[in-house]
Every structure is written in C-alpha cells, then in structure tokens.
PDB file of N, CA and C in Angstrom:
ATOM      1  N   UNK A   1      79.423  92.590  97.316  1.00  0.00           N
ATOM      2  CA  UNK A   1      80.722  93.214  97.402  1.00  0.00           C
ATOM      3  C   UNK A   1      80.869  94.050  98.670  1.00  0.00           C
ATOM      4  N   UNK A   2      79.804  94.266  99.381  1.00  0.00           N
ATOM      5  CA  UNK A   2      79.856  95.087 100.589  1.00  0.00           C
ATOM      6  C   UNK A   2      80.686  94.441 101.687  1.00  0.00           C
ATOM      7  N   UNK A   3      80.869  93.124 101.660  1.00  0.00           N
ATOM      8  CA  UNK A   3      81.648  92.436 102.678  1.00  0.00           C
ATOM      9  C   UNK A   3      83.121  92.323 102.325  1.00  0.00           C
ATOM     10  N   UNK A   4      83.532  92.908 101.245  1.00  0.00           N
ATOM     11  CA  UNK A   4      84.910  92.816 100.791  1.00  0.00           C
ATOM     12  C   UNK A   4      85.802  93.737 101.613  1.00  0.00           C
ATOM     13  N   UNK A   5      86.872  93.181 102.189  1.00  0.00           N
ATOM     14  CA  UNK A   5      87.864  93.979 102.899  1.00  0.00           C
ATOM     15  C   UNK A   5      89.001  94.285 101.940  1.00  0.00           C
ATOM     16  N   UNK A   6      89.460  95.532 101.971  1.00  0.00           N
ATOM     17  CA  UNK A   6      90.562  95.907 101.101  1.00  0.00           C
ATOM     18  C   UNK A   6      91.636  96.615 101.911  1.00  0.00           C
ATOM     19  N   UNK A   7      92.830  96.640 101.364  1.00  0.00           N
ATOM     20  CA  UNK A   7      93.947  97.404 101.900  1.00  0.00           C
ATOM     21  C   UNK A   7      94.757  97.868 100.708  1.00  0.00           C
ATOM     22  N   UNK A   8      95.181  99.109 100.731  1.00  0.00           N
ATOM     23  CA  UNK A   8      96.028  99.630  99.667  1.00  0.00           C
ATOM     24  C   UNK A   8      97.467  99.585 100.161  1.00  0.00           C
ATOM     25  N   UNK A   9      98.324  98.908  99.426  1.00  0.00           N
ATOM     26  CA  UNK A   9      99.745  98.804  99.770  1.00  0.00           C
ATOM     27  C   UNK A   9     100.544  99.598  98.741  1.00  0.00           C
ATOM     28  N   UNK A  10     101.369 100.530  99.231  1.00  0.00           N
ATOM     29  CA  UNK A  10     102.107 101.426  98.348  1.00  0.00           C
ATOM     30  C   UNK A  10     103.600 101.252  98.577  1.00  0.00           C
ATOM     31  N   UNK A  11     104.331 100.715  97.589  1.00  0.00           N
ATOM     32  CA  UNK A  11     105.782 100.708  97.713  1.00  0.00           C
ATOM     33  C   UNK A  11     106.298 102.117  97.404  1.00  0.00           C
ATOM     34  N   UNK A  12     107.167 102.651  98.252  1.00  0.00           N
ATOM     35  CA  UNK A  12     107.604 104.038  98.066  1.00  0.00           C
ATOM     36  C   UNK A  12     109.112 104.155  98.223  1.00  0.00           C
ATOM     37  N   UNK A  13     109.726 104.768  97.251  1.00  0.00           N
ATOM     38  CA  UNK A  13     111.141 105.120  97.316  1.00  0.00           C
ATOM     39  C   UNK A  13     111.274 106.490  96.668  1.00  0.00           C
ATOM     40  N   UNK A  14     111.638 107.480  97.452  1.00  0.00           N
ATOM     41  CA  UNK A  14     111.763 108.859  96.965  1.00  0.00           C
ATOM     42  C   UNK A  14     110.439 109.377  96.400  1.00  0.00           C
ATOM     43  N   UNK A  15     109.381 109.164  97.142  1.00  0.00           N
ATOM     44  CA  UNK A  15     108.037 109.535  96.693  1.00  0.00           C
ATOM     45  C   UNK A  15     107.399 110.616  97.556  1.00  0.00           C
ATOM     46  N   UNK A  16     108.156 111.330  98.379  1.00  0.00           N
ATOM     47  CA  UNK A  16     107.577 112.313  99.299  1.00  0.00           C
ATOM     48  C   UNK A  16     106.735 113.356  98.568  1.00  0.00           C
ATOM     49  N   UNK A  17     107.135 113.756  97.390  1.00  0.00           N
ATOM     50  CA  UNK A  17     106.382 114.753  96.636  1.00  0.00           C
ATOM     51  C   UNK A  17     105.080 114.232  96.060  1.00  0.00           C
ATOM     52  N   UNK A  18     104.973 112.928  95.881  1.00  0.00           N
ATOM     53  CA  UNK A  18     103.784 112.340  95.255  1.00  0.00           C
ATOM     54  C   UNK A  18     102.790 111.752  96.252  1.00  0.00           C
ATOM     55  N   UNK A  19     103.265 111.411  97.438  1.00  0.00           N
ATOM     56  CA  UNK A  19     102.381 110.763  98.407  1.00  0.00           C
ATOM     57  C   UNK A  19     101.175 111.618  98.809  1.00  0.00           C
ATOM     58  N   UNK A  20     101.306 112.932  98.993  1.00  0.00           N
ATOM     59  CA  UNK A  20     100.105 113.710  99.343  1.00  0.00           C
ATOM     60  C   UNK A  20      98.997 113.615  98.295  1.00  0.00           C
ATOM     61  N   UNK A  21      99.358 113.600  97.023  1.00  0.00           N
ATOM     62  CA  UNK A  21      98.362 113.472  95.952  1.00  0.00           C
ATOM     63  C   UNK A  21      97.705 112.100  95.997  1.00  0.00           C
ATOM     64  N   UNK A  22      98.506 111.072  96.196  1.00  0.00           N
ATOM     65  CA  UNK A  22      97.971 109.718  96.285  1.00  0.00           C
ATOM     66  C   UNK A  22      97.028 109.582  97.473  1.00  0.00           C
ATOM     67  N   UNK A  23      97.435 110.070  98.628  1.00  0.00           N
ATOM     68  CA  UNK A  23      96.611 109.941  99.819  1.00  0.00           C
ATOM     69  C   UNK A  23      95.320 110.751  99.701  1.00  0.00           C
ATOM     70  N   UNK A  24      95.390 111.907  99.067  1.00  0.00           N
ATOM     71  CA  UNK A  24      94.176 112.705  98.848  1.00  0.00           C
ATOM     72  C   UNK A  24      93.215 111.967  97.925  1.00  0.00           C
ATOM     73  N   UNK A  25      93.742 111.323  96.897  1.00  0.00           N
ATOM     74  CA  UNK A  25      92.890 110.564  95.979  1.00  0.00           C
ATOM     75  C   UNK A  25      92.248 109.381  96.690  1.00  0.00           C
ATOM     76  N   UNK A  26      92.985 108.723  97.548  1.00  0.00           N
ATOM     77  CA  UNK A  26      92.412 107.608  98.310  1.00  0.00           C
ATOM     78  C   UNK A  26      91.335 108.106  99.274  1.00  0.00           C
ATOM     79  N   UNK A  27      91.584 109.242  99.899  1.00  0.00           N
ATOM     80  CA  UNK A  27      90.609 109.799 100.845  1.00  0.00           C
ATOM     81  C   UNK A  27      89.314 110.201 100.150  1.00  0.00           C
ATOM     82  N   UNK A  28      89.373 110.509  98.876  1.00  0.00           N
ATOM     83  CA  UNK A  28      88.187 110.935  98.129  1.00  0.00           C
ATOM     84  C   UNK A  28      87.332 109.763  97.651  1.00  0.00           C
ATOM     85  N   UNK A  29      87.805 108.545  97.851  1.00  0.00           N
ATOM     86  CA  UNK A  29      87.059 107.374  97.387  1.00  0.00           C
ATOM     87  C   UNK A  29      85.813 107.159  98.228  1.00  0.00           C
ATOM     88  N   UNK A  30      84.795 106.662  97.588  1.00  0.00           N
ATOM     89  CA  UNK A  30      83.583 106.300  98.317  1.00  0.00           C
ATOM     90  C   UNK A  30      83.597 104.790  98.531  1.00  0.00           C
ATOM     91  N   UNK A  31      83.769 104.403  99.755  1.00  0.00           N
ATOM     92  CA  UNK A  31      83.816 102.999 100.137  1.00  0.00           C
ATOM     93  C   UNK A  31      83.039 102.868 101.427  1.00  0.00           C
ATOM     94  N   UNK A  32      82.481 101.729 101.662  1.00  0.00           N
ATOM     95  CA  UNK A  32      81.606 101.541 102.818  1.00  0.00           C
ATOM     96  C   UNK A  32      82.346 101.701 104.149  1.00  0.00           C
ATOM     97  N   UNK A  33      83.619 101.422 104.163  1.00  0.00           N
ATOM     98  CA  UNK A  33      84.413 101.456 105.398  1.00  0.00           C
ATOM     99  C   UNK A  33      85.713 102.201 105.166  1.00  0.00           C
ATOM    100  N   UNK A  34      86.468 102.373 106.230  1.00  0.00           N
ATOM    101  CA  UNK A  34      87.787 102.989 106.117  1.00  0.00           C
ATOM    102  C   UNK A  34      88.685 102.109 105.244  1.00  0.00           C
ATOM    103  N   UNK A  35      89.560 102.735 104.499  1.00  0.00           N
ATOM    104  CA  UNK A  35      90.499 102.003 103.657  1.00  0.00           C
ATOM    105  C   UNK A  35      91.873 102.059 104.319  1.00  0.00           C
ATOM    106  N   UNK A  36      92.349 100.929 104.844  1.00  0.00           N
ATOM    107  CA  UNK A  36      93.693 100.924 105.429  1.00  0.00           C
ATOM    108  C   UNK A  36      94.739 101.117 104.331  1.00  0.00           C
ATOM    109  N   UNK A  37      95.769 101.871 104.649  1.00  0.00           N
ATOM    110  CA  UNK A  37      96.846 102.124 103.696  1.00  0.00           C
ATOM    111  C   UNK A  37      98.170 101.747 104.358  1.00  0.00           C
ATOM    112  N   UNK A  38      98.943 100.912 103.688  1.00  0.00           N
ATOM    113  CA  UNK A  38     100.277 100.547 104.156  1.00  0.00           C
ATOM    114  C   UNK A  38     101.277 101.128 103.168  1.00  0.00           C
ATOM    115  N   UNK A  39     102.201 101.925 103.675  1.00  0.00           N
ATOM    116  CA  UNK A  39     103.238 102.503 102.825  1.00  0.00           C
ATOM    117  C   UNK A  39     104.557 101.856 103.217  1.00  0.00           C
ATOM    118  N   UNK A  40     105.140 101.118 102.282  1.00  0.00           N
ATOM    119  CA  UNK A  40     106.408 100.439 102.521  1.00  0.00           C
ATOM    120  C   UNK A  40     107.534 101.309 101.962  1.00  0.00           C
ATOM    121  N   UNK A  41     108.290 101.926 102.862  1.00  0.00           N
ATOM    122  CA  UNK A  41     109.375 102.828 102.472  1.00  0.00           C
ATOM    123  C   UNK A  41     110.686 102.059 102.570  1.00  0.00           C
ATOM    124  N   UNK A  42     111.448 102.072 101.476  1.00  0.00           N
ATOM    125  CA  UNK A  42     112.705 101.339 101.451  1.00  0.00           C
ATOM    126  C   UNK A  42     113.756 102.127 100.684  1.00  0.00           C
ATOM    127  N   UNK A  43     114.913 102.284 101.293  1.00  0.00           N
ATOM    128  CA  UNK A  43     116.072 102.934 100.646  1.00  0.00           C
ATOM    129  C   UNK A  43     115.744 104.312 100.093  1.00  0.00           C
ATOM    130  N   UNK A  44     115.005 105.096 100.829  1.00  0.00           N
ATOM    131  CA  UNK A  44     114.621 106.415 100.347  1.00  0.00           C
ATOM    132  C   UNK A  44     115.687 107.457 100.665  1.00  0.00           C
ATOM    133  N   UNK A  45     115.722 108.485  99.874  1.00  0.00           N
ATOM    134  CA  UNK A  45     116.579 109.634 100.128  1.00  0.00           C
ATOM    135  C   UNK A  45     115.752 110.822 100.601  1.00  0.00           C
ATOM    136  N   UNK A  46     114.436 110.650 100.705  1.00  0.00           N
ATOM    137  CA  UNK A  46     113.547 111.708 101.164  1.00  0.00           C
ATOM    138  C   UNK A  46     113.712 111.884 102.671  1.00  0.00           C
ATOM    139  N   UNK A  47     114.123 113.056 103.101  1.00  0.00           N
ATOM    140  CA  UNK A  47     114.359 113.302 104.524  1.00  0.00           C
ATOM    141  C   UNK A  47     113.097 113.157 105.357  1.00  0.00           C
ATOM    142  N   UNK A  48     111.941 113.523 104.784  1.00  0.00           N
ATOM    143  CA  UNK A  48     110.695 113.471 105.555  1.00  0.00           C
ATOM    144  C   UNK A  48     110.193 112.057 105.780  1.00  0.00           C
ATOM    145  N   UNK A  49     110.707 111.098 105.036  1.00  0.00           N
ATOM    146  CA  UNK A  49     110.243 109.720 105.180  1.00  0.00           C
ATOM    147  C   UNK A  49     111.234 108.842 105.933  1.00  0.00           C
ATOM    148  N   UNK A  50     112.342 109.370 106.324  1.00  0.00           N
ATOM    149  CA  UNK A  50     113.332 108.544 107.054  1.00  0.00           C
ATOM    150  C   UNK A  50     113.082 108.584 108.520  1.00  0.00           C
TER     151      UNK A  50
END
C-alpha cells in the first residue's frame, strides 16, 4: 500500500466555517507522502471563498 497515490477532493458550497476543521484533520493524518487536496467551490455565498 506504500505505492498508493491518493488525493482528497472536497466539494464545497458555503463551507468556509467548516473547511479549517477539515483541513486540520487532513493535516493530522499519518501518510507516507503529502496528501494533495482539491477543493471544488461552486455557487458559494461565502465571501472568503469567492
């Protein structure tokens, strides 16, 4: 399993308040390599994500 490449894809709409918790949880994971994260923001009303 050490050769497995992963990427976390997060669909986000109005999630500005929750993303810091999610990203902190991902950062706390123990994985052999960096974990790429793609956040797909669509039709959000969050000012910080526009």
